[in-house]
Every structure is written in structure tokens, then in C-alpha cells.
Amino acid sequence: MRRAKSDKDFPYWLVILGVTGLWLFWRVATDDVYAGVLNTLSRGLGVTIMVTLIAFSGGAVLGLGLALAQLSRSLILRQAARLYVEVMRGVPIMVLLLYVAFVGVPGMVALWNGLTGWTGIEPLRTRDVPLLWRAIIALLLAYASFLAEVFRAGILSVEVGQIEAAKALGLGRWHIFRHIVWPQAMRNVLPPLGNDFVAMVKDSSLVSVLGVTDITQLAKLTSASNFRYFETYNVVALIYLTVTIGLSLALRRLEERLRARDQR
């Protein structure tokens, strides 16, 4: 009963955010400073979207592989996957970003040149690897550890009885995973996956420490040139809030639909 009451609460928080957003949009439409800032920052929106989509997609694929490895019968795979997850989850994303950019990539370039030196292939230079892709790789590696735990929890949420019944019917491991485990696991992990996607949108701003011209980096450059810090970071907040709140509302709607379908 208490839960049903909370579900009917009027979204005053959304009204407050909506009014604030409308005020900022009005300032953008009527104030040349706000309009100029938005025009400048909009050029970094494509970079932010690209970083988010590529890093999250790659992290999801790697995370699923890590989840399956942690549930594998192989002791080596289980321990290796667990080691990766614990290390990556324990290192701040900012530190990992700098480590990949200035330690990992140069090390891999040196290794590549050492392995291919005798072939006559032109040596690869560290500067040949763009900072944008170093940042994407770092975010991908970091989020793979988070998503691995999401996928692992989703797979384990499937009732063991269904798996045993499928085995009794003679289904192989692949068919059991594909037709029984995976559909149910995905239904369970969609909400947390969506939450991590929203978090990725925000964490994509960390690429600015490498000088990647995303929204945050352009905001730094803009505010440093015009000293309009208030207006500039108001617009930054407006852009991120518009994207993240829109995604959050869409995810909440998806959860409600899934819950309603399960209750039928």
C-alpha cells in the first residue's frame, strides 16, 4: 500500500527542473552571451555522443564476456575475470584514463614495434594514436567491469529449476543460454544497464582532461576566453541535464512497461 502511494506522488521535482530548464532556454533564446556559448558548446555534443556510444557498446560486449568467464567451469577463466573486475572497479576512472593514455598506449606501441621491427613495417608512433581513442578505450575498460557485474547478476537471477529442466529435455549449454537464460537475464538487467548508460553520459566529460574537445573541454576554453563562467556552465548543466533526465524518464517508462507485462 505504501509503495502504491509513492508511485502516485506528483513529480514536483520534474516541475522544478522543467521551470529551471525553461528559464535557461529562454535566456539562450534572448541573450546573445548564452546563445553564443550554446553555439560553441554544441560542436562538442557529437564528440560526447560518440564517446558514450562506442565506450558503452564496447564495455557491454567485454562485460558480457567477463560475466560468462566468471560463471565458467574453468578456474583460470573465473580467477582471471574476477581479477580484472576487482582491479578495474578499484581504480578511479580518472586515474585509469591517465594511465591508459600515458602509460598503456605508449607501452602497447613499444610492444608492437618490438614484435614487428624485423618485418620492415614502419614503426608506429605514440602520437599516431589519437587522444580521443585513448579516452574511449579507458572508459570502455572501466565500464566493462561494472557491466560484468550487472550481467552476472542477471544471469544468476534465472531460476536454476528452469535450467535443470532444459538439461533434462536434452538441450545443450548454448541452446539453454540462448533460449532460456539470455531472454530472462536481459529483462532483468535492462534497468541497471540503462542507469549505467546515463552514468556513462556524465563520465564522458572526463575525456576533457586529455584535451578532447567534448562539451566540457569547450566550456573550459570558452569560459577562459570570455570570463563568462556563470553563463557557460549554466549551459553545460542544461545540456547534460536535458540528455540525462530525458534518458532517465525513458528508462522509467520502460521499467513500468516491463513490470506491467510481467503482471499480466
Protein backbone atom coordinates (compact mmCIF):
# COMPACT_ATOMS: atom_id res chain seq x y z
CA MET A 1 0.00 0.00 0.00
CA ARG A 2 2.82 2.37 0.87
CA ARG A 3 4.52 1.61 -2.42
CA ALA A 4 1.34 2.28 -4.40
CA LYS A 5 1.02 5.65 -2.70
CA SER A 6 4.58 6.65 -3.55
CA ASP A 7 4.01 5.69 -7.20
CA LYS A 8 1.22 8.28 -7.37
CA ASP A 9 3.29 11.14 -5.95
CA PHE A 10 3.11 14.22 -8.13
CA PRO A 11 6.54 14.81 -9.75
CA TYR A 12 7.24 18.19 -8.18
CA TRP A 13 10.96 17.60 -8.78
CA LEU A 14 10.28 17.42 -12.51
CA VAL A 15 8.27 20.64 -12.39
CA ILE A 16 11.13 22.43 -10.64
CA LEU A 17 13.64 21.14 -13.17
CA GLY A 18 11.29 21.96 -16.03
CA VAL A 19 10.82 25.56 -14.89
CA THR A 20 14.57 25.97 -14.43
CA GLY A 21 15.20 24.48 -17.85
CA LEU A 22 12.64 26.74 -19.50
CA TRP A 23 14.29 29.76 -17.87
CA LEU A 24 17.66 28.70 -19.25
CA PHE A 25 16.21 28.04 -22.70
CA TRP A 26 14.60 31.48 -22.57
CA ARG A 27 17.97 33.05 -21.72
CA VAL A 28 19.58 31.20 -24.61
CA ALA A 29 16.88 32.50 -26.95
CA THR A 30 17.05 36.11 -25.74
CA ASP A 31 20.62 36.61 -24.51
CA ASP A 32 23.46 36.86 -27.02
CA VAL A 33 26.01 35.59 -24.48
CA TYR A 34 24.01 32.43 -23.74
CA ALA A 35 23.31 31.92 -27.43
CA GLY A 36 26.98 32.25 -28.31
CA VAL A 37 28.01 29.82 -25.60
CA LEU A 38 25.44 27.25 -26.71
CA ASN A 39 26.54 27.60 -30.32
CA THR A 40 30.15 26.91 -29.29
CA LEU A 41 29.38 24.01 -26.96
CA SER A 42 27.05 22.33 -29.45
CA ARG A 43 30.13 21.50 -31.54
CA GLY A 44 31.27 19.18 -28.78
CA LEU A 45 27.95 17.35 -28.49
CA GLY A 46 28.84 14.98 -31.31
CA VAL A 47 32.08 14.01 -29.56
CA THR A 48 30.23 13.38 -26.30
CA ILE A 49 27.67 11.19 -28.04
CA MET A 50 30.33 9.26 -29.96
CA VAL A 51 32.42 8.62 -26.84
CA THR A 52 29.34 7.47 -24.92
CA LEU A 53 28.01 5.11 -27.60
CA ILE A 54 31.32 3.50 -28.54
CA ALA A 55 32.63 3.13 -24.99
CA PHE A 56 29.34 1.78 -23.65
CA SER A 57 28.82 -0.65 -26.53
CA GLY A 58 32.36 -1.99 -26.26
CA GLY A 59 32.09 -2.13 -22.47
CA ALA A 60 28.84 -4.11 -22.73
CA VAL A 61 30.39 -6.69 -25.06
CA LEU A 62 33.50 -7.06 -22.90
CA GLY A 63 31.39 -7.03 -19.73
CA LEU A 64 29.22 -9.88 -21.00
CA GLY A 65 32.35 -11.88 -21.81
CA LEU A 66 33.70 -11.23 -18.32
CA ALA A 67 30.38 -12.25 -16.74
CA LEU A 68 30.37 -15.53 -18.65
CA ALA A 69 34.01 -16.10 -17.71
CA GLN A 70 33.19 -15.62 -14.02
CA LEU A 71 30.48 -18.28 -14.33
CA SER A 72 32.69 -20.61 -16.35
CA ARG A 73 33.71 -24.08 -15.21
CA SER A 74 37.32 -23.13 -15.82
CA LEU A 75 39.14 -22.00 -12.67
CA ILE A 76 41.61 -19.97 -14.73
CA LEU A 77 38.86 -18.05 -16.54
CA ARG A 78 36.96 -17.40 -13.32
CA GLN A 79 40.02 -16.10 -11.49
CA ALA A 80 41.27 -14.02 -14.43
CA ALA A 81 37.86 -12.38 -14.92
CA ARG A 82 37.50 -11.72 -11.19
CA LEU A 83 40.96 -10.18 -11.08
CA TYR A 84 40.10 -7.83 -13.94
CA VAL A 85 36.77 -6.80 -12.41
CA GLU A 86 38.19 -6.10 -8.96
CA VAL A 87 41.18 -4.14 -10.28
CA MET A 88 39.15 -2.00 -12.68
CA ARG A 89 36.42 -1.31 -10.14
CA GLY A 90 39.03 -0.31 -7.57
CA VAL A 91 40.83 2.26 -9.74
CA PRO A 92 39.21 5.71 -10.19
CA ILE A 93 38.17 6.30 -13.78
CA MET A 94 40.25 9.49 -13.90
CA VAL A 95 43.38 7.57 -12.89
CA LEU A 96 42.61 4.81 -15.39
CA LEU A 97 42.09 7.41 -18.10
CA LEU A 98 45.52 8.94 -17.49
CA TYR A 99 47.17 5.53 -17.12
CA VAL A 100 45.80 4.23 -20.41
CA ALA A 101 46.63 7.46 -22.24
CA PHE A 102 50.19 7.97 -21.00
CA VAL A 103 51.32 4.52 -19.86
CA GLY A 104 49.21 1.83 -21.50
CA VAL A 105 49.15 3.14 -25.07
CA PRO A 106 52.89 4.02 -25.19
CA GLY A 107 53.64 0.58 -23.78
CA MET A 108 51.50 -1.15 -26.40
CA VAL A 109 53.10 0.92 -29.16
CA ALA A 110 56.57 -0.09 -27.95
CA LEU A 111 55.49 -3.74 -27.80
CA TRP A 112 54.05 -3.57 -31.30
CA ASN A 113 57.21 -2.03 -32.70
CA GLY A 114 59.31 -4.66 -30.94
CA LEU A 115 57.27 -7.50 -32.42
CA THR A 116 57.11 -6.08 -35.95
CA GLY A 117 60.56 -4.50 -36.16
CA TRP A 118 62.05 -7.39 -38.11
CA THR A 119 59.25 -7.32 -40.71
CA GLY A 120 60.18 -3.92 -42.12
CA ILE A 121 56.81 -2.42 -41.19
CA GLU A 122 57.07 1.30 -40.47
CA PRO A 123 57.26 1.83 -36.70
CA LEU A 124 54.15 3.10 -35.01
CA ARG A 125 54.43 6.32 -33.02
CA THR A 126 52.57 7.04 -29.82
CA ARG A 127 51.18 10.25 -31.26
CA ASP A 128 49.60 8.20 -34.06
CA VAL A 129 47.02 7.03 -31.51
CA PRO A 130 44.58 9.95 -31.04
CA LEU A 131 43.81 11.07 -27.50
CA LEU A 132 40.13 10.63 -28.29
CA TRP A 133 40.57 6.89 -28.81
CA ARG A 134 42.76 6.56 -25.74
CA ALA A 135 39.93 8.10 -23.72
CA ILE A 136 37.35 5.79 -25.30
CA ILE A 137 39.49 2.73 -24.54
CA ALA A 138 39.87 3.79 -20.91
CA LEU A 139 36.13 4.32 -20.43
CA LEU A 140 35.41 1.04 -22.18
CA LEU A 141 37.76 -0.88 -19.89
CA ALA A 142 36.36 0.80 -16.78
CA TYR A 143 32.70 0.26 -17.58
CA ALA A 144 33.27 -3.33 -18.68
CA SER A 145 33.95 -4.20 -15.03
CA PHE A 146 30.71 -2.54 -13.88
CA LEU A 147 28.62 -4.10 -16.63
CA ALA A 148 30.17 -7.51 -15.98
CA GLU A 149 28.62 -7.50 -12.51
CA VAL A 150 25.28 -6.39 -13.94
CA PHE A 151 25.26 -9.23 -16.47
CA ARG A 152 26.46 -11.77 -13.89
CA ALA A 153 23.65 -10.81 -11.51
CA GLY A 154 21.11 -11.01 -14.34
CA ILE A 155 22.26 -14.48 -15.38
CA LEU A 156 22.22 -15.74 -11.80
CA SER A 157 18.69 -14.37 -11.33
CA VAL A 158 17.31 -17.04 -13.68
CA GLU A 159 15.84 -19.93 -11.68
CA VAL A 160 18.06 -23.00 -11.57
CA GLY A 161 14.99 -25.20 -11.97
CA GLN A 162 14.42 -23.92 -15.50
CA ILE A 163 17.99 -24.72 -16.47
CA GLU A 164 17.76 -28.21 -14.97
CA ALA A 165 14.50 -28.81 -16.82
CA ALA A 166 16.12 -27.75 -20.09
CA LYS A 167 19.01 -30.13 -19.47
CA ALA A 168 16.54 -32.92 -18.80
CA LEU A 169 14.98 -32.24 -22.20
CA GLY A 170 18.37 -32.70 -23.82
CA LEU A 171 19.18 -29.08 -24.68
CA GLY A 172 22.84 -28.14 -24.93
CA ARG A 173 24.51 -25.35 -22.99
CA TRP A 174 24.36 -22.91 -25.91
CA HIS A 175 20.66 -23.51 -26.57
CA ILE A 176 19.88 -23.19 -22.86
CA PHE A 177 21.70 -19.89 -22.70
CA ARG A 178 20.20 -18.55 -25.90
CA HIS A 179 16.56 -19.56 -25.40
CA ILE A 180 16.14 -19.63 -21.61
CA VAL A 181 18.84 -17.76 -19.71
CA TRP A 182 19.56 -14.83 -22.01
CA PRO A 183 15.97 -13.56 -22.61
CA GLN A 184 15.15 -13.58 -18.89
CA ALA A 185 18.53 -12.16 -17.88
CA MET A 186 18.22 -9.27 -20.34
CA ARG A 187 14.79 -8.38 -18.99
CA ASN A 188 16.28 -8.19 -15.50
CA VAL A 189 19.38 -6.21 -16.43
CA LEU A 190 17.79 -3.60 -18.70
CA PRO A 191 17.11 -1.09 -15.87
CA PRO A 192 20.66 -1.22 -14.40
CA LEU A 193 22.13 -1.15 -17.90
CA GLY A 194 20.14 1.99 -18.56
CA ASN A 195 21.39 3.55 -15.34
CA ASP A 196 24.98 2.79 -16.32
CA PHE A 197 24.36 4.32 -19.75
CA VAL A 198 23.20 7.54 -18.10
CA ALA A 199 26.30 7.44 -15.89
CA MET A 200 28.44 6.99 -18.99
CA VAL A 201 26.99 10.18 -20.50
CA LYS A 202 28.20 12.08 -17.44
CA ASP A 203 31.55 10.29 -17.15
CA SER A 204 32.27 11.05 -20.80
CA SER A 205 33.10 14.56 -19.59
CA LEU A 206 36.31 13.11 -18.08
CA VAL A 207 37.83 12.92 -21.56
CA SER A 208 38.30 16.69 -21.31
CA VAL A 209 41.38 16.11 -19.11
CA LEU A 210 43.14 14.81 -22.23
CA GLY A 211 42.14 17.87 -24.23
CA VAL A 212 39.45 16.06 -26.21
CA THR A 213 37.05 18.73 -27.47
CA ASP A 214 33.84 17.48 -25.93
CA ILE A 215 31.26 19.73 -24.28
CA THR A 216 33.23 20.12 -21.05
CA GLN A 217 36.51 20.93 -22.76
CA LEU A 218 34.88 23.52 -24.99
CA ALA A 219 33.28 25.02 -21.88
CA LYS A 220 36.71 25.36 -20.28
CA LEU A 221 38.10 27.08 -23.36
CA THR A 222 35.06 29.33 -23.76
CA SER A 223 34.96 30.48 -20.14
CA ALA A 224 38.72 31.07 -20.15
CA SER A 225 38.37 33.37 -23.16
CA ASN A 226 35.25 35.34 -22.25
CA PHE A 227 35.31 35.01 -18.42
CA ARG A 228 31.58 34.26 -18.52
CA TYR A 229 31.79 31.32 -16.14
CA PHE A 230 28.20 31.64 -14.86
CA GLU A 231 26.61 31.62 -18.28
CA THR A 232 28.96 29.00 -19.71
CA TYR A 233 28.50 26.40 -17.00
CA ASN A 234 24.78 27.07 -16.85
CA VAL A 235 24.62 26.00 -20.47
CA VAL A 236 26.83 22.95 -19.76
CA ALA A 237 24.49 21.90 -16.96
CA LEU A 238 21.48 22.48 -19.21
CA ILE A 239 22.87 20.22 -21.94
CA TYR A 240 23.81 17.37 -19.63
CA LEU A 241 20.59 17.59 -17.62
CA THR A 242 18.48 17.60 -20.78
CA VAL A 243 20.17 14.44 -22.01
CA THR A 244 20.35 12.56 -18.71
CA ILE A 245 16.85 13.42 -17.45
CA GLY A 246 15.39 12.54 -20.84
CA LEU A 247 17.13 9.16 -20.71
CA SER A 248 16.08 8.61 -17.09
CA LEU A 249 12.42 9.29 -17.87
CA ALA A 250 12.57 6.95 -20.86
CA LEU A 251 14.12 4.22 -18.70
CA ARG A 252 11.49 4.68 -16.02
CA ARG A 253 8.78 4.35 -18.65
CA LEU A 254 10.44 1.18 -19.95
CA GLU A 255 10.56 -0.29 -16.44
CA GLU A 256 6.85 0.43 -15.97
CA ARG A 257 6.01 -1.33 -19.22
CA LEU A 258 8.12 -4.36 -18.32
CA ARG A 259 6.52 -4.52 -14.87
CA ALA A 260 3.04 -4.27 -16.36
CA ARG A 261 3.81 -7.02 -18.87
CA ASP A 262 5.12 -9.30 -16.13
CA GLN A 263 1.92 -8.82 -14.13
CA ARG A 264 -0.32 -9.92 -16.99
